[in-house]
Amino acid sequence: MSFVVSGDAYDRFMGRYSGPLAPAFADFAGVTQGQRVLDVGCGSGVLTEELARRVGVQNVAGIDPSPLLEACAERVPGADLKAGKAEELPWPDGRFDTAIAQLVIHFMEDPEAGVAEMARVCRPGGVVAACSWDFADGMQLLRIYWESARELDHDLEGERRSFGTLEDLDGLWRKLGFDDVVGGPLEVESEYADFDELWGSFLLGVGPAGEYAVSLPQDRRDELRDEYRRRLGDPQGPVALFARAWAVRGRVPG
C-alpha cells in the first residue's frame, strides 16, 4: 500500500496540490447545497472537507482503504466514513446525489468496477465524477521526478499511468453508459520556498514516488536528488510547479 503515512505527510507532499484542486473539482462535479455526496478514496479528507463545507457534514460520506482515513475523521468529524475500497461500496443503491473520486481512479484495483459501484450508489440522474493527473505532460512534480529516476535506472517503470488522459476517462464513462458525459482540464500550482523543501516532501514516503525515494540507499538517493534538481533548472530560490488534472463527469441513466 502506497499511503501508510500520516495525514500530515500526505498534506505536505500531495495535499498542496489536491487542496486547491478540491474546490475546482467540486465545482466541475456540480456539488451544491442540498445534495448527498460520496467521496471515494477520501484519503486524509482534503476533498471531504470541501464537500462538507458545501453540503453540510451530515450529507457527506467517504471511503478509503488506507490509514489516512483516520486523518479524514479528525478533519471532518461527523462525516459517514468507512474503511473499504471503491469496488465494494457499503451503501445501498441510490443513496447519493453525487459520487466523486479525486486522484484515485488510477489506484483502483479495477477502475471499471469501481466506477460502476459509484454509479450504483447514486440515484438516477445523479452525477459520477473523477479526475486524474495528466501524467504525460501536466504534472511537473511527478513527471520530472520519474524522468530523473529513469535516467538513473532505465528499467524503472515509475508512476502508474492508467487513466492519465482525458480519452481514457471519457472512454470509460461512455463504456459504462453514463448520460451527458463531459470532460476537461483542471489546473493548479504549488510554490515551495526552495528546492530543499520540494525534495524533502519526497522523503516523507508518500505514494509511489515517495516510497521509491526512501527505498534507495543514500548514494543513489543523492544522485536522484541532483538529477531532479538539474532537470528543474537548478533553482536557487522559490520553486513553482504546475499541475493539470483531467476530469470527467456523467449522469446515471434512468
Protein backbone atom coordinates (compact mmCIF):
# COMPACT_ATOMS: atom_id res chain seq x y z
CA MET A 1 0.00 0.00 0.00
CA SER A 2 1.40 3.40 -1.01
CA PHE A 3 -0.29 5.51 1.65
CA VAL A 4 0.68 4.03 5.01
CA VAL A 5 1.66 7.51 6.15
CA SER A 6 0.31 10.25 8.37
CA GLY A 7 -2.23 12.78 7.19
CA ASP A 8 0.36 15.50 7.74
CA ALA A 9 2.85 13.73 5.48
CA TYR A 10 0.26 13.38 2.72
CA ASP A 11 -0.76 17.03 3.03
CA ARG A 12 2.86 18.19 2.80
CA PHE A 13 3.51 16.11 -0.31
CA MET A 14 0.31 15.92 -2.39
CA GLY A 15 -2.14 17.94 -0.32
CA ARG A 16 -0.57 21.16 -1.54
CA TYR A 17 -1.95 20.22 -4.98
CA SER A 18 -5.11 18.32 -4.04
CA GLY A 19 -6.11 21.14 -1.69
CA PRO A 20 -6.55 23.81 -4.37
CA LEU A 21 -7.82 21.14 -6.78
CA ALA A 22 -10.69 20.19 -4.46
CA PRO A 23 -12.93 23.28 -4.91
CA ALA A 24 -12.32 23.30 -8.66
CA PHE A 25 -13.24 19.62 -8.90
CA ALA A 26 -16.32 20.07 -6.69
CA ASP A 27 -17.42 22.91 -8.98
CA PHE A 28 -16.87 20.68 -12.02
CA ALA A 29 -18.98 17.93 -10.44
CA GLY A 30 -21.73 20.45 -9.62
CA VAL A 31 -21.68 19.86 -5.85
CA THR A 32 -24.12 22.28 -4.21
CA GLN A 33 -26.15 22.61 -1.04
CA GLY A 34 -28.92 20.05 -0.58
CA GLN A 35 -27.03 17.12 -2.10
CA ARG A 36 -25.81 13.91 -0.51
CA VAL A 37 -22.24 13.30 -1.66
CA LEU A 38 -19.82 10.36 -1.51
CA ASP A 39 -16.04 10.90 -1.60
CA VAL A 40 -14.46 7.70 -2.96
CA GLY A 41 -10.83 7.35 -1.90
CA CYS A 42 -11.18 10.20 0.57
CA GLY A 43 -7.66 9.80 1.97
CA SER A 44 -6.78 12.47 4.52
CA GLY A 45 -10.00 14.34 3.82
CA VAL A 46 -8.84 17.24 1.66
CA LEU A 47 -11.82 16.93 -0.69
CA THR A 48 -14.15 15.63 2.03
CA GLU A 49 -13.67 18.86 3.95
CA GLU A 50 -14.59 20.92 0.88
CA LEU A 51 -17.69 18.80 0.31
CA ALA A 52 -18.78 19.22 3.95
CA ARG A 53 -18.38 22.98 3.63
CA ARG A 54 -20.77 22.95 0.68
CA VAL A 55 -23.46 20.48 1.70
CA GLY A 56 -23.04 20.02 5.46
CA VAL A 57 -21.13 17.24 7.17
CA GLN A 58 -24.31 15.25 7.74
CA ASN A 59 -24.67 14.88 3.96
CA VAL A 60 -21.10 13.68 3.29
CA ALA A 61 -19.74 10.13 3.24
CA GLY A 62 -16.28 8.87 2.43
CA ILE A 63 -14.41 5.62 1.98
CA ASP A 64 -10.71 4.74 1.84
CA PRO A 65 -8.66 1.56 2.35
CA SER A 66 -5.63 3.30 3.90
CA PRO A 67 -4.77 4.55 7.40
CA LEU A 68 -5.29 8.07 6.05
CA LEU A 69 -8.95 7.53 6.89
CA GLU A 70 -8.07 8.40 10.50
CA ALA A 71 -6.84 11.81 9.41
CA CYS A 72 -10.05 12.31 7.44
CA ALA A 73 -12.11 11.53 10.55
CA GLU A 74 -10.15 14.16 12.50
CA ARG A 75 -10.51 16.72 9.72
CA VAL A 76 -14.22 16.14 9.06
CA PRO A 77 -15.79 14.88 12.31
CA GLY A 78 -19.33 13.66 11.83
CA ALA A 79 -18.96 12.51 8.23
CA ASP A 80 -20.07 8.96 7.41
CA LEU A 81 -16.63 7.40 6.90
CA LYS A 82 -15.92 3.74 6.22
CA ALA A 83 -12.82 1.66 5.60
CA GLY A 84 -13.05 -0.08 2.26
CA LYS A 85 -12.46 0.11 -1.47
CA ALA A 86 -14.29 1.55 -4.45
CA GLU A 87 -15.09 -1.83 -5.94
CA GLU A 88 -17.22 -2.81 -2.92
CA LEU A 89 -19.04 0.28 -1.64
CA PRO A 90 -21.00 -0.46 1.57
CA TRP A 91 -24.01 1.74 0.79
CA PRO A 92 -27.39 0.85 -0.75
CA ASP A 93 -28.46 1.63 -4.30
CA GLY A 94 -29.35 5.25 -4.99
CA ARG A 95 -28.09 6.59 -1.67
CA PHE A 96 -26.28 9.66 -3.07
CA ASP A 97 -26.82 12.52 -5.48
CA THR A 98 -23.13 12.65 -6.39
CA ALA A 99 -20.20 10.23 -6.14
CA ILE A 100 -16.81 11.80 -6.69
CA ALA A 101 -13.24 10.44 -6.83
CA GLN A 102 -10.30 12.83 -6.80
CA LEU A 103 -6.88 11.47 -7.87
CA VAL A 104 -7.99 7.92 -7.05
CA ILE A 105 -9.07 6.09 -10.20
CA HIS A 106 -5.55 5.03 -11.23
CA PHE A 107 -5.09 3.44 -7.78
CA MET A 108 -8.27 1.33 -8.02
CA GLU A 109 -7.71 -2.41 -8.40
CA ASP A 110 -10.47 -2.49 -11.05
CA PRO A 111 -11.40 1.03 -12.22
CA GLU A 112 -14.35 -0.15 -14.31
CA ALA A 113 -15.86 -2.00 -11.34
CA GLY A 114 -15.12 0.92 -9.02
CA VAL A 115 -16.86 3.48 -11.22
CA ALA A 116 -19.78 1.09 -11.76
CA GLU A 117 -20.15 0.91 -7.98
CA MET A 118 -20.13 4.70 -7.79
CA ALA A 119 -22.99 4.71 -10.29
CA ARG A 120 -24.90 2.07 -8.32
CA VAL A 121 -24.94 4.11 -5.11
CA CYS A 122 -26.11 7.25 -6.97
CA ARG A 123 -29.76 7.95 -7.76
CA PRO A 124 -30.91 8.04 -11.41
CA GLY A 125 -29.81 11.40 -12.79
CA GLY A 126 -27.08 11.69 -10.15
CA VAL A 127 -23.54 12.65 -11.07
CA VAL A 128 -20.46 10.42 -11.03
CA ALA A 129 -17.17 12.29 -11.48
CA ALA A 130 -13.46 11.55 -11.28
CA CYS A 131 -10.19 13.25 -12.04
CA SER A 132 -6.62 12.06 -12.51
CA TRP A 133 -3.32 13.85 -13.05
CA ASP A 134 -2.14 14.36 -16.60
CA PHE A 135 0.91 12.15 -16.04
CA ALA A 136 2.21 12.55 -19.58
CA ASP A 137 2.74 16.29 -19.55
CA GLY A 138 0.71 18.17 -16.97
CA MET A 139 2.02 17.18 -13.55
CA GLN A 140 5.52 18.63 -13.21
CA LEU A 141 6.18 17.33 -9.70
CA LEU A 142 5.83 13.69 -10.74
CA ARG A 143 6.71 13.80 -14.43
CA ILE A 144 10.14 15.35 -13.90
CA TYR A 145 10.77 13.16 -10.87
CA TRP A 146 10.15 9.91 -12.78
CA GLU A 147 12.12 11.18 -15.78
CA SER A 148 15.01 11.76 -13.39
CA ALA A 149 14.63 8.33 -11.82
CA ARG A 150 14.54 6.56 -15.19
CA GLU A 151 17.67 8.42 -16.27
CA LEU A 152 19.46 6.63 -13.43
CA ASP A 153 17.56 3.33 -13.72
CA HIS A 154 16.47 2.63 -17.29
CA ASP A 155 14.38 -0.39 -16.27
CA LEU A 156 12.25 1.59 -13.82
CA GLU A 157 8.55 1.73 -14.66
CA GLY A 158 7.66 4.69 -12.42
CA GLU A 159 4.18 6.02 -11.70
CA ARG A 160 1.17 4.07 -12.91
CA ARG A 161 -0.34 5.97 -15.81
CA SER A 162 -3.74 4.34 -16.38
CA PHE A 163 -6.48 6.93 -16.81
CA GLY A 164 -3.92 9.70 -17.11
CA THR A 165 -5.55 11.05 -20.27
CA LEU A 166 -8.92 12.62 -20.97
CA GLU A 167 -9.52 9.99 -23.66
CA ASP A 168 -9.12 7.19 -21.08
CA LEU A 169 -11.60 8.76 -18.69
CA ASP A 170 -14.11 9.75 -21.37
CA GLY A 171 -13.94 6.27 -22.87
CA LEU A 172 -14.68 4.56 -19.55
CA TRP A 173 -17.62 6.84 -18.77
CA ARG A 174 -19.14 6.20 -22.19
CA LYS A 175 -18.50 2.45 -21.95
CA LEU A 176 -20.41 2.39 -18.67
CA GLY A 177 -23.34 4.17 -20.29
CA PHE A 178 -23.43 7.49 -18.45
CA ASP A 179 -25.53 10.28 -19.91
CA ASP A 180 -24.29 13.83 -20.57
CA VAL A 181 -20.59 12.92 -20.38
CA VAL A 182 -18.36 16.00 -20.10
CA GLY A 183 -14.58 16.19 -19.62
CA GLY A 184 -11.91 18.84 -19.35
CA PRO A 185 -8.79 20.09 -17.58
CA LEU A 186 -8.40 21.43 -14.04
CA GLU A 187 -5.20 23.35 -13.33
CA VAL A 188 -3.43 24.26 -10.09
CA GLU A 189 0.02 25.42 -8.97
CA SER A 190 2.11 24.99 -5.85
CA GLU A 191 5.10 27.03 -4.69
CA TYR A 192 7.96 25.83 -2.50
CA ALA A 193 10.28 28.08 -0.53
CA ASP A 194 13.27 26.41 -2.17
CA PHE A 195 14.44 23.14 -3.69
CA ASP A 196 15.19 21.65 -0.28
CA GLU A 197 11.54 21.98 0.74
CA LEU A 198 10.46 20.39 -2.53
CA TRP A 199 12.91 17.48 -2.28
CA GLY A 200 12.13 16.95 1.39
CA SER A 201 8.49 16.26 0.53
CA PHE A 202 9.55 13.12 -1.36
CA LEU A 203 11.38 11.85 1.72
CA LEU A 204 8.07 11.63 3.60
CA GLY A 205 7.46 8.35 1.77
CA VAL A 206 4.06 9.27 0.31
CA GLY A 207 2.74 7.42 -2.74
CA PRO A 208 4.84 5.52 -5.29
CA ALA A 209 7.27 8.44 -5.72
CA GLY A 210 7.95 8.82 -2.02
CA GLU A 211 8.18 5.07 -1.47
CA TYR A 212 10.78 4.83 -4.23
CA ALA A 213 12.85 7.71 -2.85
CA VAL A 214 13.07 6.33 0.68
CA SER A 215 13.81 2.80 -0.59
CA LEU A 216 17.07 3.91 -2.22
CA PRO A 217 20.47 3.73 -0.49
CA GLN A 218 21.77 7.17 0.38
CA ASP A 219 24.22 7.47 -2.51
CA ARG A 220 21.58 6.65 -5.14
CA ARG A 221 19.06 8.91 -3.41
CA ASP A 222 21.58 11.76 -3.63
CA GLU A 223 22.06 11.04 -7.34
CA LEU A 224 18.30 11.18 -7.88
CA ARG A 225 18.05 14.45 -5.96
CA ASP A 226 20.84 16.00 -8.05
CA GLU A 227 19.32 14.82 -11.35
CA TYR A 228 15.90 16.12 -10.32
CA ARG A 229 17.39 19.48 -9.41
CA ARG A 230 19.25 19.64 -12.71
CA ARG A 231 16.09 18.93 -14.71
CA LEU A 232 14.29 21.68 -12.81
CA GLY A 233 16.95 24.16 -13.94
CA ASP A 234 19.00 24.19 -10.71
CA PRO A 235 16.64 26.56 -8.85
CA GLN A 236 18.27 28.81 -6.25
CA GLY A 237 15.12 30.35 -4.77
CA PRO A 238 11.39 29.60 -4.70
CA VAL A 239 10.14 26.81 -6.97
CA ALA A 240 6.68 26.94 -8.56
CA LEU A 241 5.30 23.78 -10.15
CA PHE A 242 2.26 23.45 -12.39
CA ALA A 243 -0.22 20.58 -12.27
CA ARG A 244 -3.09 19.68 -14.59
CA ALA A 245 -5.72 17.06 -13.89
CA TRP A 246 -8.16 15.63 -16.39
CA ALA A 247 -11.73 15.44 -15.09
CA VAL A 248 -14.84 13.69 -16.35
CA ARG A 249 -18.44 13.60 -15.18
CA GLY A 250 -21.63 11.92 -16.30
CA ARG A 251 -25.19 11.30 -15.14
CA VAL A 252 -26.55 7.94 -14.05
CA PRO A 253 -29.16 6.83 -16.61
CA GLY A 254 -32.78 6.36 -15.68
